[in-house]
C-alpha atoms as a PDB file:
ATOM      1  CA  MET A   1       0.000   0.000   0.000  1.00  0.00           C
ATOM      2  CA  ASP A   2       0.983   3.626  -0.501  1.00  0.00           C
ATOM      3  CA  ALA A   3       3.440   4.584   2.251  1.00  0.00           C
ATOM      4  CA  GLN A   4       2.493   8.264   2.013  1.00  0.00           C
ATOM      5  CA  LEU A   5      -1.197   7.454   2.486  1.00  0.00           C
ATOM      6  CA  LEU A   6      -0.382   5.342   5.549  1.00  0.00           C
ATOM      7  CA  THR A   7       1.621   8.235   6.968  1.00  0.00           C
ATOM      8  CA  LEU A   8      -0.781  11.082   6.194  1.00  0.00           C
ATOM      9  CA  GLY A   9      -4.172   9.354   6.580  1.00  0.00           C
ATOM     10  CA  TYR A  10      -5.618  10.820   3.382  1.00  0.00           C
ATOM     11  CA  GLN A  11      -4.491  12.018  -0.042  1.00  0.00           C
ATOM     12  CA  LEU A  12      -5.937  14.277  -2.721  1.00  0.00           C
ATOM     13  CA  GLY A  13      -5.322  13.683  -6.421  1.00  0.00           C
ATOM     14  CA  PRO A  14      -3.927  16.555  -8.508  1.00  0.00           C
ATOM     15  CA  SER A  15      -6.376  18.928 -10.141  1.00  0.00           C
ATOM     16  CA  LYS A  16      -6.473  19.111 -13.923  1.00  0.00           C
ATOM     17  CA  TYR A  17      -7.136  22.846 -13.642  1.00  0.00           C
ATOM     18  CA  THR A  18      -4.624  25.685 -13.340  1.00  0.00           C
ATOM     19  CA  PRO A  19      -5.211  27.687 -11.197  1.00  0.00           C
ATOM     20  CA  ARG A  20      -6.514  24.761  -9.175  1.00  0.00           C
ATOM     21  CA  ILE A  21     -10.214  23.984  -8.837  1.00  0.00           C
ATOM     22  CA  GLY A  22     -10.552  21.102  -6.414  1.00  0.00           C
ATOM     23  CA  TYR A  23      -8.958  17.675  -6.815  1.00  0.00           C
ATOM     24  CA  SER A  24      -9.392  14.627  -9.038  1.00  0.00           C
ATOM     25  CA  TRP A  25      -9.749  12.028  -6.265  1.00  0.00           C
ATOM     26  CA  LEU A  26      -9.730  11.507  -2.522  1.00  0.00           C
ATOM     27  CA  ARG A  27      -8.180   8.518  -0.761  1.00  0.00           C
ATOM     28  CA  ALA A  28      -8.382   7.820   2.959  1.00  0.00           C
ATOM     29  CA  VAL A  29      -7.354   5.011   5.271  1.00  0.00           C
ATOM     30  CA  ILE A  30      -9.494   4.381   8.352  1.00  0.00           C
ATOM     31  CA  SER A  31      -8.357   2.328  11.344  1.00  0.00           C
ATOM     32  CA  GLY A  32     -10.470   0.925  14.156  1.00  0.00           C
ATOM     33  CA  ARG A  33      -8.284   2.611  16.767  1.00  0.00           C
ATOM     34  CA  PRO A  34      -6.020   5.678  16.938  1.00  0.00           C
ATOM     35  CA  THR A  35      -2.674   5.515  15.126  1.00  0.00           C
ATOM     36  CA  GLN A  36       0.182   7.977  14.646  1.00  0.00           C
ATOM     37  CA  ARG A  37      -0.931   9.262  11.244  1.00  0.00           C
ATOM     38  CA  PHE A  38      -0.788  12.988  10.494  1.00  0.00           C
ATOM     39  CA  PHE A  39      -4.593  13.089  10.031  1.00  0.00           C
ATOM     40  CA  ASP A  40      -5.772   9.974  11.813  1.00  0.00           C
ATOM     41  CA  VAL A  41      -9.103   9.364  10.067  1.00  0.00           C
ATOM     42  CA  LYS A  42     -11.894   7.912  12.193  1.00  0.00           C
ATOM     43  CA  SER A  43     -14.778   8.339   9.747  1.00  0.00           C
ATOM     44  CA  LEU A  44     -15.822   9.667   6.353  1.00  0.00           C
ATOM     45  CA  HIS A  45     -19.231  11.346   6.015  1.00  0.00           C
ATOM     46  CA  LEU A  46     -20.871  11.964   2.656  1.00  0.00           C
ATOM     47  CA  PRO A  47     -24.250  11.956   0.892  1.00  0.00           C
ATOM     48  CA  THR A  48     -25.083   8.787  -1.070  1.00  0.00           C
ATOM     49  CA  TYR A  49     -27.954   7.428  -3.169  1.00  0.00           C
ATOM     50  CA  ASP A  50     -28.756   3.715  -3.347  1.00  0.00           C
ATOM     51  CA  GLY A  51     -30.958   3.849  -6.449  1.00  0.00           C
ATOM     52  CA  ARG A  52     -34.072   4.554  -4.406  1.00  0.00           C
ATOM     53  CA  TYR A  53     -33.256   6.530  -1.292  1.00  0.00           C
ATOM     54  CA  PHE A  54     -30.918   9.333  -0.262  1.00  0.00           C
ATOM     55  CA  HIS A  55     -28.652   8.701   2.749  1.00  0.00           C
ATOM     56  CA  GLN A  56     -26.246  10.705   4.880  1.00  0.00           C
ATOM     57  CA  THR A  57     -23.661   7.930   5.036  1.00  0.00           C
ATOM     58  CA  GLN A  58     -20.967   7.485   7.656  1.00  0.00           C
ATOM     59  CA  ILE A  59     -18.042   5.249   6.731  1.00  0.00           C
ATOM     60  CA  SER A  60     -15.998   3.834   9.593  1.00  0.00           C
ATOM     61  CA  ARG A  61     -13.812   0.777  10.112  1.00  0.00           C
ATOM     62  CA  HIS A  62     -16.502  -1.199  11.934  1.00  0.00           C
ATOM     63  CA  GLU A  63     -19.550  -0.733   9.716  1.00  0.00           C
ATOM     64  CA  LEU A  64     -18.732  -2.218   6.313  1.00  0.00           C
ATOM     65  CA  SER A  65     -18.333  -5.483   4.472  1.00  0.00           C
ATOM     66  CA  PRO A  66     -14.851  -6.336   3.099  1.00  0.00           C
ATOM     67  CA  LYS A  67     -15.693  -4.501  -0.147  1.00  0.00           C
ATOM     68  CA  GLU A  68     -18.485  -2.039  -0.898  1.00  0.00           C
ATOM     69  CA  ALA A  69     -19.390   0.566  -3.518  1.00  0.00           C
ATOM     70  CA  PHE A  70     -21.455   3.732  -3.113  1.00  0.00           C
ATOM     71  CA  GLN A  71     -22.894   6.328  -5.473  1.00  0.00           C
ATOM     72  CA  VAL A  72     -21.897   9.667  -4.004  1.00  0.00           C
ATOM     73  CA  CYS A  73     -24.293  12.592  -4.420  1.00  0.00           C
ATOM     74  CA  LEU A  74     -23.955  16.298  -4.922  1.00  0.00           C
ATOM     75  CA  GLY A  75     -23.290  17.809  -1.510  1.00  0.00           C
ATOM     76  CA  ARG A  76     -20.971  18.312   1.431  1.00  0.00           C
ATOM     77  CA  TRP A  77     -18.569  15.651   2.700  1.00  0.00           C
ATOM     78  CA  SER A  78     -16.157  15.522   5.614  1.00  0.00           C
ATOM     79  CA  LEU A  79     -13.325  13.522   7.147  1.00  0.00           C
ATOM     80  CA  VAL A  80     -13.215  13.340  10.959  1.00  0.00           C
ATOM     81  CA  ASN A  81     -10.097  12.224  12.834  1.00  0.00           C
ATOM     82  CA  TYR A  82      -9.593  10.710  16.276  1.00  0.00           C
ATOM     83  CA  GLN A  83      -8.621  14.121  17.685  1.00  0.00           C
ATOM     84  CA  GLY A  84     -12.009  15.578  16.697  1.00  0.00           C
ATOM     85  CA  GLU A  85     -10.605  17.652  13.848  1.00  0.00           C
ATOM     86  CA  GLU A  86     -12.577  17.818  10.592  1.00  0.00           C
ATOM     87  CA  LEU A  87     -11.744  18.364   6.932  1.00  0.00           C
ATOM     88  CA  HIS A  88     -14.750  19.693   5.015  1.00  0.00           C
ATOM     89  CA  GLY A  89     -15.427  19.581   1.301  1.00  0.00           C
ATOM     90  CA  PHE A  90     -18.043  19.371  -1.428  1.00  0.00           C
ATOM     91  CA  SER A  91     -18.571  17.111  -4.402  1.00  0.00           C
ATOM     92  CA  PHE A  92     -20.733  17.111  -7.521  1.00  0.00           C
ATOM     93  CA  GLY A  93     -21.152  13.345  -7.271  1.00  0.00           C
ATOM     94  CA  GLY A  94     -18.989  10.329  -8.043  1.00  0.00           C
ATOM     95  CA  GLY A  95     -18.159   6.828  -6.904  1.00  0.00           C
ATOM     96  CA  LEU A  96     -16.751   5.550  -3.623  1.00  0.00           C
ATOM     97  CA  GLN A  97     -15.055   2.160  -3.384  1.00  0.00           C
ATOM     98  CA  THR A  98     -14.103   0.744   0.009  1.00  0.00           C
ATOM     99  CA  ALA A  99     -12.004  -2.307   0.839  1.00  0.00           C
ATOM    100  CA  ILE A 100     -10.534  -3.798   4.001  1.00  0.00           C
ATOM    101  CA  VAL A 101      -6.813  -4.560   3.680  1.00  0.00           C
ATOM    102  CA  ASP A 102      -4.592  -5.640   6.589  1.00  0.00           C
ATOM    103  CA  ASN A 103      -7.336  -4.686   9.053  1.00  0.00           C
ATOM    104  CA  ASP A 104      -7.572  -1.111   7.734  1.00  0.00           C
ATOM    105  CA  LEU A 105     -10.385   0.305   5.599  1.00  0.00           C
ATOM    106  CA  TYR A 106      -9.269   1.999   2.368  1.00  0.00           C
ATOM    107  CA  CYS A 107     -11.629   4.498   0.741  1.00  0.00           C
ATOM    108  CA  ASP A 108     -11.239   5.635  -2.881  1.00  0.00           C
ATOM    109  CA  PHE A 109     -13.536   8.444  -3.984  1.00  0.00           C
ATOM    110  CA  THR A 110     -13.342   9.478  -7.654  1.00  0.00           C
ATOM    111  CA  SER A 111     -15.355  11.895  -9.762  1.00  0.00           C
ATOM    112  CA  SER A 112     -15.452  13.356 -13.266  1.00  0.00           C
ATOM    113  CA  ALA A 113     -15.939  16.751 -11.590  1.00  0.00           C
ATOM    114  CA  PRO A 114     -13.615  18.515  -9.144  1.00  0.00           C
ATOM    115  CA  ILE A 115     -13.739  17.342  -5.521  1.00  0.00           C
ATOM    116  CA  LEU A 116     -13.650  20.595  -3.569  1.00  0.00           C
ATOM    117  CA  ILE A 117     -12.059  21.443  -0.205  1.00  0.00           C
ATOM    118  CA  LEU A 118     -13.750  24.199   1.802  1.00  0.00           C
ATOM    119  CA  GLN A 119     -10.542  25.876   2.957  1.00  0.00           C
ATOM    120  CA  ASP A 120      -8.195  25.353   0.050  1.00  0.00           C
ATOM    121  CA  GLY A 121      -5.794  28.246   0.476  1.00  0.00           C
ATOM    122  CA  PRO A 122      -5.938  32.008  -0.186  1.00  0.00           C
ATOM    123  CA  GLY A 123      -7.480  33.018  -3.486  1.00  0.00           C
ATOM    124  CA  SER A 124      -9.063  29.602  -4.081  1.00  0.00           C
ATOM    125  CA  VAL A 125     -12.424  29.583  -5.850  1.00  0.00           C
ATOM    126  CA  SER A 126     -13.540  26.481  -3.927  1.00  0.00           C
ATOM    127  CA  GLY A 127     -14.960  28.166  -0.807  1.00  0.00           C
ATOM    128  CA  PRO A 128     -17.093  30.736  -2.681  1.00  0.00           C
ATOM    129  CA  LEU A 129     -18.208  28.078  -5.177  1.00  0.00           C
ATOM    130  CA  ILE A 130     -19.348  25.755  -2.367  1.00  0.00           C
ATOM    131  CA  ASP A 131     -21.266  28.554  -0.635  1.00  0.00           C
ATOM    132  CA  GLU A 132     -23.100  29.573  -3.795  1.00  0.00           C
ATOM    133  CA  VAL A 133     -23.985  26.024  -4.874  1.00  0.00           C
ATOM    134  CA  VAL A 134     -25.314  25.208  -1.381  1.00  0.00           C
ATOM    135  CA  ASP A 135     -27.572  28.293  -1.577  1.00  0.00           C
ATOM    136  CA  LEU A 136     -28.697  27.207  -5.037  1.00  0.00           C
ATOM    137  CA  LEU A 137     -29.638  23.725  -3.824  1.00  0.00           C
ATOM    138  CA  ALA A 138     -31.612  25.184  -0.917  1.00  0.00           C
ATOM    139  CA  GLU A 139     -33.787  27.014  -3.450  1.00  0.00           C
ATOM    140  CA  ILE A 140     -34.362  24.051  -5.770  1.00  0.00           C
ATOM    141  CA  LYS A 141     -34.999  21.121  -3.394  1.00  0.00           C
ATOM    142  CA  PRO A 142     -38.306  22.413  -1.937  1.00  0.00           C
ATOM    143  CA  LYS A 143     -39.755  22.561  -5.468  1.00  0.00           C
ATOM    144  CA  LEU A 144     -39.697  18.757  -5.708  1.00  0.00           C
ATOM    145  CA  ALA A 145     -42.210  16.466  -4.044  1.00  0.00           C
ATOM    146  CA  GLY A 146     -40.359  14.075  -1.770  1.00  0.00           C
ATOM    147  CA  HIS A 147     -37.517  16.598  -1.626  1.00  0.00           C
ATOM    148  CA  ASP A 148     -34.265  14.680  -0.979  1.00  0.00           C
ATOM    149  CA  ASP A 149     -35.210  11.290  -2.475  1.00  0.00           C
ATOM    150  CA  GLU A 150     -36.760  12.815  -5.593  1.00  0.00           C
ATOM    151  CA  PHE A 151     -33.980  15.372  -5.951  1.00  0.00           C
ATOM    152  CA  TYR A 152     -31.221  12.765  -5.842  1.00  0.00           C
ATOM    153  CA  SER A 153     -33.166  10.330  -8.001  1.00  0.00           C
ATOM    154  CA  ARG A 154     -33.197  12.930 -10.764  1.00  0.00           C
ATOM    155  CA  LEU A 155     -29.621  13.991 -10.081  1.00  0.00           C
ATOM    156  CA  SER A 156     -28.344  10.408 -10.341  1.00  0.00           C
ATOM    157  CA  LYS A 157     -29.160  10.371 -14.071  1.00  0.00           C
ATOM    158  CA  PHE A 158     -26.394  12.877 -14.837  1.00  0.00           C
ATOM    159  CA  GLU A 159     -22.602  12.669 -14.794  1.00  0.00           C
ATOM    160  CA  PRO A 160     -20.932  14.746 -12.062  1.00  0.00           C
ATOM    161  CA  TYR A 161     -19.114  16.838 -14.682  1.00  0.00           C
ATOM    162  CA  ALA A 162     -22.432  17.765 -16.341  1.00  0.00           C
ATOM    163  CA  VAL A 163     -23.802  18.783 -12.928  1.00  0.00           C
ATOM    164  CA  PHE A 164     -20.659  20.837 -12.268  1.00  0.00           C
ATOM    165  CA  LEU A 165     -21.037  22.748 -15.554  1.00  0.00           C
ATOM    166  CA  SER A 166     -24.740  23.229 -14.897  1.00  0.00           C
ATOM    167  CA  CYS A 167     -23.988  24.742 -11.487  1.00  0.00           C
ATOM    168  CA  LEU A 168     -21.449  27.148 -12.990  1.00  0.00           C
ATOM    169  CA  PHE A 169     -23.837  28.214 -15.747  1.00  0.00           C
ATOM    170  CA  THR A 170     -26.755  28.614 -13.324  1.00  0.00           C
ATOM    171  CA  LEU A 171     -24.656  30.760 -10.997  1.00  0.00           C
ATOM    172  CA  LYS A 172     -23.535  32.921 -13.909  1.00  0.00           C
ATOM    173  CA  LYS A 173     -27.171  33.586 -14.882  1.00  0.00           C
ATOM    174  CA  ARG A 174     -28.119  34.130 -11.259  1.00  0.00           C
ATOM    175  CA  PHE A 175     -25.445  36.779 -10.700  1.00  0.00           C
ATOM    176  CA  ALA A 176     -26.276  38.496 -14.005  1.00  0.00           C
ATOM    177  CA  SER A 177     -29.908  38.863 -12.893  1.00  0.00           C
ATOM    178  CA  VAL A 178     -29.076  40.775  -9.711  1.00  0.00           C
ATOM    179  CA  PRO A 179     -30.099  44.453 -10.065  1.00  0.00           C
ATOM    180  CA  THR A 180     -27.195  46.899 -10.183  1.00  0.00           C
ATOM    181  CA  HIS A 181     -28.231  48.701  -6.998  1.00  0.00           C
ATOM    182  CA  LEU A 182     -27.999  45.417  -5.043  1.00  0.00           C
ATOM    183  CA  ARG A 183     -24.492  44.542  -6.173  1.00  0.00           C
ATOM    184  CA  ASN A 184     -22.629  45.162  -2.932  1.00  0.00           C
ATOM    185  CA  GLU A 185     -19.074  44.203  -1.967  1.00  0.00           C
ATOM    186  CA  LYS A 186     -20.087  40.658  -0.984  1.00  0.00           C
ATOM    187  CA  PHE A 187     -21.784  40.204  -4.357  1.00  0.00           C
ATOM    188  CA  ARG A 188     -18.765  41.513  -6.264  1.00  0.00           C
ATOM    189  CA  LYS A 189     -16.340  39.206  -4.461  1.00  0.00           C
ATOM    190  CA  ALA A 190     -18.482  36.126  -5.039  1.00  0.00           C
ATOM    191  CA  ASN A 191     -19.183  37.046  -8.654  1.00  0.00           C
ATOM    192  CA  THR A 192     -15.478  37.559  -9.337  1.00  0.00           C
ATOM    193  CA  GLN A 193     -14.656  34.092  -8.006  1.00  0.00           C
ATOM    194  CA  ILE A 194     -17.426  32.384  -9.992  1.00  0.00           C
ATOM    195  CA  GLU A 195     -16.323  34.165 -13.180  1.00  0.00           C
ATOM    196  CA  LYS A 196     -12.746  33.078 -12.432  1.00  0.00           C
ATOM    197  CA  ALA A 197     -13.856  29.445 -12.074  1.00  0.00           C
ATOM    198  CA  ILE A 198     -15.792  29.580 -15.349  1.00  0.00           C
ATOM    199  CA  GLN A 199     -12.800  31.043 -17.183  1.00  0.00           C
ATOM    200  CA  ILE A 200     -10.463  28.362 -15.818  1.00  0.00           C
ATOM    201  CA  VAL A 201     -12.820  25.575 -16.956  1.00  0.00           C
ATOM    202  CA  GLN A 202     -13.253  27.160 -20.384  1.00  0.00           C
ATOM    203  CA  ASN A 203      -9.486  27.502 -20.846  1.00  0.00           C
ATOM    204  CA  THR A 204      -8.748  23.939 -19.721  1.00  0.00           C
ATOM    205  CA  ASP A 205     -11.691  21.972 -21.117  1.00  0.00           C
ATOM    206  CA  GLY A 206     -12.645  24.063 -24.108  1.00  0.00           C
ATOM    207  CA  TRP A 207     -16.120  24.490 -22.607  1.00  0.00           C
ATOM    208  CA  ASP A 208     -18.238  26.931 -24.615  1.00  0.00           C
ATOM    209  CA  GLY A 209     -19.905  28.296 -21.480  1.00  0.00           C
ATOM    210  CA  ARG A 210     -23.323  26.833 -22.263  1.00  0.00           C
ATOM    211  CA  SER A 211     -25.298  24.281 -20.263  1.00  0.00           C
ATOM    212  CA  PRO A 212     -28.823  23.594 -19.080  1.00  0.00           C
ATOM    213  CA  THR A 213     -29.468  25.318 -15.781  1.00  0.00           C
ATOM    214  CA  LEU A 214     -29.723  23.138 -12.695  1.00  0.00           C
ATOM    215  CA  GLU A 215     -33.474  23.811 -12.636  1.00  0.00           C
ATOM    216  CA  GLU A 216     -33.787  22.639 -16.249  1.00  0.00           C
ATOM    217  CA  LEU A 217     -31.907  19.434 -15.429  1.00  0.00           C
ATOM    218  CA  LEU A 218     -33.835  18.608 -12.291  1.00  0.00           C
ATOM    219  CA  LEU A 219     -37.288  20.119 -12.651  1.00  0.00           C
ATOM    220  CA  GLN A 220     -38.164  18.941 -16.153  1.00  0.00           C
ATOM    221  CA  PRO A 221     -41.149  16.533 -16.305  1.00  0.00           C
ATOM    222  CA  ARG A 222     -40.183  12.856 -16.041  1.00  0.00           C
END
């Protein structure tokens, strides 16, 4: 197994974007008792969908079969260590594979969209992007009967990267619709970061800047 992972407790895969937007994967190793790792992971918390129901899933050493797979949903995730410290992030969906090896639980979370960290250094677009997407979701979910289960049922039909682009495009339209007299300093800072993220994705991926809005993806008749 990866010696660096066993020393650190978790690893983040390099971002394909420059400047960085999130990471390409997350790996964590969870033990059933405290160790001497730098970030001694006790549990991983993340939203999942089992094909029928939405769950707030907690992954720990004692709760899983030798191998399991999960569909990760759009939403916040966190790693918690034995010292009570937490690492918070956000994902646009993906897949989580877990396996027990040498009495430790290895977690591999991958996604076609960036896996974001809430506090990812000065100037990072991740924090503002997470805040704005969370606000966006709070507006959309109540419009669906069954709320969480229906929301994630619809969301599961789309690739995480498509959801990521849809969020960026929706936020762009949302900011553009704000009347000029309401564009305060907080608005300008957030708008600048979202525009920066869009430009980075366009430069790297060749994205043309167009996408269905999140409402169009999720609220269309089934």
